[in-house]
């Protein structure tokens, strides 16, 4: 039962990450799709690097290997936090506040 619960929570994190990374341009669907893909491909290495550093530190602290599911979960949480900040910047840029 806990395995199913872990899979569901991981799927929810993936969906939230995908929703947070969408870059929306009103009335221009194709530009929204292209900009979202470009954005995801340009920000993913930053998230991956930060995740690798944190996982390496955690592994040194506990002196055992972190399971892949935990590393993936950490990546998604970091990515959602970063996407939230970048999404706010995109929103304010679209509305002329920046």
Protein backbone atom coordinates (compact mmCIF):
# COMPACT_ATOMS: atom_id res chain seq x y z
CA UNK A 1 0.00 0.00 0.00
CA UNK A 2 2.82 2.42 0.80
CA UNK A 3 4.43 1.67 -2.58
CA UNK A 4 1.25 2.77 -4.36
CA UNK A 5 1.09 5.90 -2.21
CA UNK A 6 4.70 6.75 -3.12
CA UNK A 7 3.96 6.28 -6.82
CA UNK A 8 0.89 8.53 -6.60
CA UNK A 9 2.76 11.26 -4.76
CA UNK A 10 5.58 11.09 -7.31
CA UNK A 11 3.06 11.38 -10.17
CA UNK A 12 1.46 14.38 -8.47
CA UNK A 13 4.89 16.05 -8.16
CA UNK A 14 5.55 15.45 -11.87
CA UNK A 15 2.18 16.97 -12.84
CA UNK A 16 2.73 20.01 -10.58
CA UNK A 17 6.21 20.47 -12.07
CA UNK A 18 4.84 20.35 -15.61
CA UNK A 19 2.10 22.83 -14.74
CA UNK A 20 4.55 25.16 -13.02
CA UNK A 21 6.88 25.17 -16.01
CA UNK A 22 4.26 26.22 -18.57
CA UNK A 23 4.94 29.61 -20.13
CA UNK A 24 1.63 31.00 -21.32
CA UNK A 25 1.24 33.62 -24.03
CA UNK A 26 -2.42 34.61 -24.43
CA UNK A 27 -3.76 33.89 -27.91
CA UNK A 28 -0.51 32.31 -29.14
CA UNK A 29 -0.67 28.59 -28.43
CA UNK A 30 2.31 27.59 -30.56
CA UNK A 31 4.55 30.19 -28.99
CA UNK A 32 3.43 28.97 -25.55
CA UNK A 33 4.43 25.40 -26.42
CA UNK A 34 7.79 26.41 -27.91
CA UNK A 35 8.68 28.75 -25.06
CA UNK A 36 7.69 26.11 -22.49
CA UNK A 37 9.96 23.52 -24.12
CA UNK A 38 12.85 25.98 -24.43
CA UNK A 39 12.36 27.01 -20.82
CA UNK A 40 12.26 23.44 -19.53
CA UNK A 41 15.39 22.48 -21.46
CA UNK A 42 17.30 25.54 -20.25
CA UNK A 43 16.33 25.30 -16.57
CA UNK A 44 16.58 21.52 -16.14
CA UNK A 45 20.42 21.50 -15.98
CA UNK A 46 20.34 24.04 -13.16
CA UNK A 47 17.87 21.90 -11.23
CA UNK A 48 19.87 18.77 -11.95
CA UNK A 49 23.12 20.36 -10.77
CA UNK A 50 21.58 21.63 -7.55
CA UNK A 51 20.03 18.22 -6.93
CA UNK A 52 23.33 16.44 -7.50
CA UNK A 53 25.10 18.73 -5.02
CA UNK A 54 22.42 18.26 -2.36
CA UNK A 55 22.30 14.48 -2.89
CA UNK A 56 26.10 14.28 -2.62
CA UNK A 57 26.05 16.22 0.65
CA UNK A 58 23.23 14.07 2.03
CA UNK A 59 25.04 10.87 1.07
CA UNK A 60 28.18 12.04 2.83
CA UNK A 61 26.21 12.93 5.94
CA UNK A 62 24.33 9.63 6.27
CA UNK A 63 27.15 7.53 4.74
CA UNK A 64 24.83 5.51 2.54
CA UNK A 65 23.43 5.78 -0.95
CA UNK A 66 20.20 7.72 -1.41
CA UNK A 67 17.49 5.77 -3.30
CA UNK A 68 16.74 6.99 -6.81
CA UNK A 69 13.10 7.74 -5.94
CA UNK A 70 14.22 10.09 -3.16
CA UNK A 71 16.67 11.82 -5.48
CA UNK A 72 13.95 12.23 -8.11
CA UNK A 73 11.56 13.57 -5.49
CA UNK A 74 14.22 16.08 -4.36
CA UNK A 75 14.79 17.13 -7.99
CA UNK A 76 11.07 17.73 -8.48
CA UNK A 77 10.69 19.73 -5.27
CA UNK A 78 13.66 21.94 -6.17
CA UNK A 79 12.34 22.32 -9.70
CA UNK A 80 8.87 23.31 -8.49
CA UNK A 81 10.33 25.94 -6.16
CA UNK A 82 12.51 27.38 -8.92
CA UNK A 83 9.66 27.26 -11.44
CA UNK A 84 7.43 29.15 -9.03
CA UNK A 85 9.98 31.96 -8.78
CA UNK A 86 10.64 32.00 -12.53
CA UNK A 87 6.90 31.84 -13.24
CA UNK A 88 6.33 34.94 -11.12
CA UNK A 89 9.10 36.72 -13.01
CA UNK A 90 7.51 35.69 -16.33
CA UNK A 91 4.09 36.89 -15.15
CA UNK A 92 5.39 40.28 -14.07
CA UNK A 93 7.38 40.62 -17.30
CA UNK A 94 4.25 39.89 -19.38
CA UNK A 95 2.27 42.50 -17.45
CA UNK A 96 4.96 45.17 -17.74
CA UNK A 97 5.83 45.33 -14.06
CA UNK A 98 9.52 44.58 -14.68
